[in-house]
Amino acid sequence: MPHRARIADRFMKQSAEQLVTMAGAVITGLTNNPAFPAPTADLKAVEAAAEGLNTALAAQTHGGSAATAEKKNKQEALINLLRKLKHYIEDNCRNDLAVLLSSGFQAAATSRNRSPLANPARPGASGRSWRRRGKRSGNCAWNCGLRRSGKRWRC
């Protein structure tokens, strides 16, 4: 079964500067793109949101909680517009990765292969002595060799 072409949803993990850069790439990719004739979010609105965030970043260098709140509000507005475009592109790319990449977004990883786990260390590798105990039900199967010394347990 072929994997569905998806866009990497890393909007919340990216810095404001990275979002402005990505918005510029998306605007460039979607402008006059025949594969995506009618985007759900207006590209001029995305461009205005990116410019607003860029302006808020410049104003935040002087500091202040009002400037930080303004930057976060502009960042949220841009993320919302990019998410609308993301869903539109995923729905209209016809699972063609080349068409998806022509939009300016980055594709999500399609592979879920994982590396095998390392072999666990044997019980005595931590420096404690492990002994096998009892063969009957209810007996302790392993003992790490702890002993009581005063009020504490020691190895």
C-alpha atoms as a PDB file:
ATOM      1  CA  MET A   1       0.000   0.000   0.000  1.00  0.00           C
ATOM      2  CA  PRO A   2       1.582   3.299  -1.022  1.00  0.00           C
ATOM      3  CA  HIS A   3       2.098   5.938   1.590  1.00  0.00           C
ATOM      4  CA  ARG A   4      -0.001   9.059   1.531  1.00  0.00           C
ATOM      5  CA  ALA A   5       1.995  12.161   0.630  1.00  0.00           C
ATOM      6  CA  ARG A   6       1.940  14.437   3.648  1.00  0.00           C
ATOM      7  CA  ILE A   7       3.461  17.738   4.686  1.00  0.00           C
ATOM      8  CA  ALA A   8       5.689  17.877   7.753  1.00  0.00           C
ATOM      9  CA  ASP A   9       3.701  19.682  10.450  1.00  0.00           C
ATOM     10  CA  ARG A  10       6.522  21.362  12.361  1.00  0.00           C
ATOM     11  CA  PHE A  11       4.970  24.791  12.608  1.00  0.00           C
ATOM     12  CA  MET A  12       4.912  24.954  16.409  1.00  0.00           C
ATOM     13  CA  LYS A  13       8.515  23.748  16.722  1.00  0.00           C
ATOM     14  CA  GLN A  14       9.971  26.340  14.364  1.00  0.00           C
ATOM     15  CA  SER A  15      11.226  29.739  15.336  1.00  0.00           C
ATOM     16  CA  ALA A  16       9.549  32.869  14.029  1.00  0.00           C
ATOM     17  CA  GLU A  17      12.395  33.465  11.563  1.00  0.00           C
ATOM     18  CA  GLN A  18      12.010  29.940  10.174  1.00  0.00           C
ATOM     19  CA  LEU A  19       8.261  30.467   9.777  1.00  0.00           C
ATOM     20  CA  VAL A  20       8.822  33.655   7.776  1.00  0.00           C
ATOM     21  CA  THR A  21      11.311  31.813   5.552  1.00  0.00           C
ATOM     22  CA  MET A  22       8.913  28.902   5.044  1.00  0.00           C
ATOM     23  CA  ALA A  23       6.025  31.255   4.267  1.00  0.00           C
ATOM     24  CA  GLY A  24       8.173  32.909   1.588  1.00  0.00           C
ATOM     25  CA  ALA A  25       8.964  29.507   0.050  1.00  0.00           C
ATOM     26  CA  VAL A  26       5.271  28.551   0.079  1.00  0.00           C
ATOM     27  CA  ILE A  27       4.216  31.846  -1.523  1.00  0.00           C
ATOM     28  CA  THR A  28       6.842  31.370  -4.238  1.00  0.00           C
ATOM     29  CA  GLY A  29       5.821  27.734  -4.765  1.00  0.00           C
ATOM     30  CA  LEU A  30       2.092  28.383  -4.997  1.00  0.00           C
ATOM     31  CA  THR A  31       2.181  31.511  -7.138  1.00  0.00           C
ATOM     32  CA  ASN A  32       0.976  30.522 -10.646  1.00  0.00           C
ATOM     33  CA  ASN A  33       1.278  26.823  -9.809  1.00  0.00           C
ATOM     34  CA  PRO A  34      -1.079  24.897 -12.144  1.00  0.00           C
ATOM     35  CA  ALA A  35      -1.391  22.009  -9.667  1.00  0.00           C
ATOM     36  CA  PHE A  36      -2.959  24.309  -7.048  1.00  0.00           C
ATOM     37  CA  PRO A  37      -5.189  26.810  -8.861  1.00  0.00           C
ATOM     38  CA  ALA A  38      -7.342  28.045  -5.942  1.00  0.00           C
ATOM     39  CA  PRO A  39      -5.661  27.858  -2.506  1.00  0.00           C
ATOM     40  CA  THR A  40      -7.997  28.066   0.493  1.00  0.00           C
ATOM     41  CA  ALA A  41      -5.955  30.821   2.117  1.00  0.00           C
ATOM     42  CA  ASP A  42      -5.278  33.915   0.032  1.00  0.00           C
ATOM     43  CA  LEU A  43      -1.563  34.170  -0.777  1.00  0.00           C
ATOM     44  CA  LYS A  44      -1.659  37.922  -0.217  1.00  0.00           C
ATOM     45  CA  ALA A  45      -2.981  37.281   3.305  1.00  0.00           C
ATOM     46  CA  VAL A  46      -0.123  34.836   3.946  1.00  0.00           C
ATOM     47  CA  GLU A  47       2.367  37.379   2.618  1.00  0.00           C
ATOM     48  CA  ALA A  48       0.849  40.112   4.833  1.00  0.00           C
ATOM     49  CA  ALA A  49       1.004  37.794   7.869  1.00  0.00           C
ATOM     50  CA  ALA A  50       4.664  36.982   7.155  1.00  0.00           C
ATOM     51  CA  GLU A  51       5.482  40.683   6.802  1.00  0.00           C
ATOM     52  CA  GLY A  52       3.610  41.411  10.034  1.00  0.00           C
ATOM     53  CA  LEU A  53       5.593  38.738  11.867  1.00  0.00           C
ATOM     54  CA  ASN A  54       8.834  40.089  10.415  1.00  0.00           C
ATOM     55  CA  THR A  55       7.917  43.577  11.639  1.00  0.00           C
ATOM     56  CA  ALA A  56       6.999  42.205  15.078  1.00  0.00           C
ATOM     57  CA  LEU A  57      10.380  40.457  15.257  1.00  0.00           C
ATOM     58  CA  ALA A  58      12.162  43.728  14.554  1.00  0.00           C
ATOM     59  CA  ALA A  59      10.083  45.507  17.233  1.00  0.00           C
ATOM     60  CA  GLN A  60      10.782  42.773  19.773  1.00  0.00           C
ATOM     61  CA  THR A  61      14.535  43.414  19.761  1.00  0.00           C
ATOM     62  CA  HIS A  62      13.881  46.434  21.947  1.00  0.00           C
ATOM     63  CA  GLY A  63      12.181  44.159  24.487  1.00  0.00           C
ATOM     64  CA  GLY A  64       8.987  44.437  26.446  1.00  0.00           C
ATOM     65  CA  SER A  65       6.116  42.103  27.146  1.00  0.00           C
ATOM     66  CA  ALA A  66       3.780  43.956  24.768  1.00  0.00           C
ATOM     67  CA  ALA A  67       6.183  43.379  21.852  1.00  0.00           C
ATOM     68  CA  THR A  68       6.501  39.692  22.766  1.00  0.00           C
ATOM     69  CA  ALA A  69       2.719  39.277  22.935  1.00  0.00           C
ATOM     70  CA  GLU A  70       2.365  41.010  19.562  1.00  0.00           C
ATOM     71  CA  LYS A  71       4.975  38.675  18.041  1.00  0.00           C
ATOM     72  CA  LYS A  72       3.208  35.585  19.416  1.00  0.00           C
ATOM     73  CA  ASN A  73      -0.148  36.774  18.056  1.00  0.00           C
ATOM     74  CA  LYS A  74       1.353  37.377  14.593  1.00  0.00           C
ATOM     75  CA  GLN A  75       3.084  33.999  14.740  1.00  0.00           C
ATOM     76  CA  GLU A  76      -0.198  32.225  15.564  1.00  0.00           C
ATOM     77  CA  ALA A  77      -1.962  34.009  12.713  1.00  0.00           C
ATOM     78  CA  LEU A  78       0.719  32.888  10.239  1.00  0.00           C
ATOM     79  CA  ILE A  79       0.633  29.306  11.574  1.00  0.00           C
ATOM     80  CA  ASN A  80      -3.154  29.177  11.106  1.00  0.00           C
ATOM     81  CA  LEU A  81      -2.867  30.333   7.490  1.00  0.00           C
ATOM     82  CA  LEU A  82      -0.063  27.853   6.773  1.00  0.00           C
ATOM     83  CA  ARG A  83      -2.127  25.017   8.261  1.00  0.00           C
ATOM     84  CA  LYS A  84      -5.050  25.887   5.955  1.00  0.00           C
ATOM     85  CA  LEU A  85      -2.686  25.750   2.980  1.00  0.00           C
ATOM     86  CA  LYS A  86      -1.177  22.504   4.257  1.00  0.00           C
ATOM     87  CA  HIS A  87      -4.558  20.761   4.291  1.00  0.00           C
ATOM     88  CA  TYR A  88      -5.455  22.138   0.858  1.00  0.00           C
ATOM     89  CA  ILE A  89      -2.187  20.910  -0.650  1.00  0.00           C
ATOM     90  CA  GLU A  90      -2.405  17.460   0.958  1.00  0.00           C
ATOM     91  CA  ASP A  91      -5.942  17.054  -0.390  1.00  0.00           C
ATOM     92  CA  ASN A  92      -5.083  18.220  -3.940  1.00  0.00           C
ATOM     93  CA  CYS A  93      -1.609  16.777  -4.588  1.00  0.00           C
ATOM     94  CA  ARG A  94      -3.025  13.352  -5.624  1.00  0.00           C
ATOM     95  CA  ASN A  95      -0.346  11.575  -3.515  1.00  0.00           C
ATOM     96  CA  ASP A  96       2.325  12.812  -5.917  1.00  0.00           C
ATOM     97  CA  LEU A  97       5.405  13.812  -3.950  1.00  0.00           C
ATOM     98  CA  ALA A  98       6.782  15.986  -6.759  1.00  0.00           C
ATOM     99  CA  VAL A  99       3.559  17.988  -6.881  1.00  0.00           C
ATOM    100  CA  LEU A 100       3.567  18.342  -3.096  1.00  0.00           C
ATOM    101  CA  LEU A 101       7.162  19.577  -3.086  1.00  0.00           C
ATOM    102  CA  SER A 102       6.370  22.098  -5.833  1.00  0.00           C
ATOM    103  CA  SER A 103       4.182  23.921  -3.304  1.00  0.00           C
ATOM    104  CA  GLY A 104       7.164  25.019  -1.222  1.00  0.00           C
ATOM    105  CA  PHE A 105       6.339  22.851   1.806  1.00  0.00           C
ATOM    106  CA  GLN A 106       8.585  20.040   3.031  1.00  0.00           C
ATOM    107  CA  ALA A 107       7.306  16.477   2.896  1.00  0.00           C
ATOM    108  CA  ALA A 108       6.936  14.395   6.033  1.00  0.00           C
ATOM    109  CA  ALA A 109       8.970  11.225   6.364  1.00  0.00           C
ATOM    110  CA  THR A 110       7.193   8.203   4.916  1.00  0.00           C
ATOM    111  CA  SER A 111       9.456   5.598   6.477  1.00  0.00           C
ATOM    112  CA  ARG A 112       8.829   4.349   9.967  1.00  0.00           C
ATOM    113  CA  ASN A 113      11.791   1.978  10.031  1.00  0.00           C
ATOM    114  CA  ARG A 114      13.465   1.814  13.359  1.00  0.00           C
ATOM    115  CA  SER A 115      16.844   0.518  14.274  1.00  0.00           C
ATOM    116  CA  PRO A 116      16.926  -2.678  16.335  1.00  0.00           C
ATOM    117  CA  LEU A 117      17.352  -2.326  20.059  1.00  0.00           C
ATOM    118  CA  ALA A 118      20.727  -3.061  21.589  1.00  0.00           C
ATOM    119  CA  ASN A 119      21.099  -6.301  23.502  1.00  0.00           C
ATOM    120  CA  PRO A 120      20.415  -5.824  27.194  1.00  0.00           C
ATOM    121  CA  ALA A 121      23.318  -6.088  29.571  1.00  0.00           C
ATOM    122  CA  ARG A 122      23.499  -9.218  31.669  1.00  0.00           C
ATOM    123  CA  PRO A 123      22.262  -8.830  35.237  1.00  0.00           C
ATOM    124  CA  GLY A 124      25.710  -8.848  36.846  1.00  0.00           C
ATOM    125  CA  ALA A 125      27.116  -6.151  34.547  1.00  0.00           C
ATOM    126  CA  SER A 126      26.125  -3.324  36.884  1.00  0.00           C
ATOM    127  CA  GLY A 127      28.559  -4.448  39.576  1.00  0.00           C
ATOM    128  CA  ARG A 128      25.952  -6.098  41.772  1.00  0.00           C
ATOM    129  CA  SER A 129      26.021  -9.830  42.218  1.00  0.00           C
ATOM    130  CA  TRP A 130      22.894 -11.615  41.054  1.00  0.00           C
ATOM    131  CA  ARG A 131      22.091 -15.082  42.287  1.00  0.00           C
ATOM    132  CA  ARG A 132      19.458 -17.528  41.199  1.00  0.00           C
ATOM    133  CA  ARG A 133      17.151 -18.494  44.059  1.00  0.00           C
ATOM    134  CA  GLY A 134      14.503 -21.142  44.574  1.00  0.00           C
ATOM    135  CA  LYS A 135      12.822 -23.385  42.071  1.00  0.00           C
ATOM    136  CA  ARG A 136       9.392 -23.438  43.661  1.00  0.00           C
ATOM    137  CA  SER A 137       6.523 -21.127  42.993  1.00  0.00           C
ATOM    138  CA  GLY A 138       6.527 -18.168  45.378  1.00  0.00           C
ATOM    139  CA  ASN A 139      10.282 -18.078  45.906  1.00  0.00           C
ATOM    140  CA  CYS A 140      12.276 -15.111  44.705  1.00  0.00           C
ATOM    141  CA  ALA A 141      13.712 -15.892  41.287  1.00  0.00           C
ATOM    142  CA  TRP A 142      16.563 -13.375  41.422  1.00  0.00           C
ATOM    143  CA  ASN A 143      18.384 -11.675  44.260  1.00  0.00           C
ATOM    144  CA  CYS A 144      20.630  -8.701  43.637  1.00  0.00           C
ATOM    145  CA  GLY A 145      22.704  -9.325  46.768  1.00  0.00           C
ATOM    146  CA  LEU A 146      21.471  -6.379  48.817  1.00  0.00           C
ATOM    147  CA  ARG A 147      22.042  -6.661  52.548  1.00  0.00           C
ATOM    148  CA  ARG A 148      20.844  -4.601  55.449  1.00  0.00           C
ATOM    149  CA  SER A 149      23.533  -2.561  57.158  1.00  0.00           C
ATOM    150  CA  GLY A 150      22.087  -0.524  59.975  1.00  0.00           C
ATOM    151  CA  LYS A 151      19.253   1.581  58.606  1.00  0.00           C
ATOM    152  CA  ARG A 152      20.286   1.305  54.918  1.00  0.00           C
ATOM    153  CA  TRP A 153      20.437  -1.328  52.245  1.00  0.00           C
ATOM    154  CA  ARG A 154      23.819  -1.857  50.621  1.00  0.00           C
ATOM    155  CA  CYS A 155      25.106  -3.865  47.705  1.00  0.00           C
END
